[in-house]
Structure formats: C-alpha cells, structure tokens
Amino acid sequence: MSRTVSATEARIHLGELLDDIERDEAITVEQAGSSKAVIITVSEARNLSDETGGRPDWRVSLERARASFARDLGDRPRPDFTTMIREMREERDAQLPDNMR
C-alpha cells in the first residue's frame, strides 16, 4: 500500500511517516503537485539497488537466462539457432507475394 503526502506534511509528520513505512507502506512526497520523492525502508532500498548502482549486472542476468534455458531443455540437445533462424526466414519468404521478395 502506498500514499501521497505534501512536502510540508512530510516535514511536519516525519516521525509518523517513518512508522508508516515500517509497516510496508511506501510514501510519495509531492511538492507543488509534482512527485519529488518516495520514502521507503532501508531494506527495500537495498533490494532496489545493488553494487552496480541500481542497474542489474548484465552478467548476472545472462547467467540466470542460461540456467533457465538449461533447465527448460533438460537432457535434450541445444537447438541450432542458425538453422532455426534460416528456416523461419525461408518460411516467411515463401509466404510473401512475389513482388515483395
């Protein structure tokens, strides 16, 4: 659950807002009708930001994708992607009208 408060309200009631975020309630702070900040718990912030400054490490993402792919394949051999792409292109080209080839 989340709620929105004005910057003035956040300044005046900061202690109460800190209690609220401990109950898993994110709070958006607005100034002049525009969202300026979100108050969340430290643990939530850590979950959002890792050592790479908040950007997921592409190597970790790649390794996860490889592990998922290997799990899905099981004992079956890895497909030959070059052949698959060539066959798909040939199939697509066969469906095109002659004047578009």
Foldseek 3Di string as FASTA:
>chain_A
DEEEDEPVCCVVPVVVVVVVQVVVYKYFYDYPNHTDDIDHDPVVVPVQQDPVGRDDDVVVVVVVVVVVVCVVCPPPDDDDVVVVVVVVVVVVVVPDPPVVD
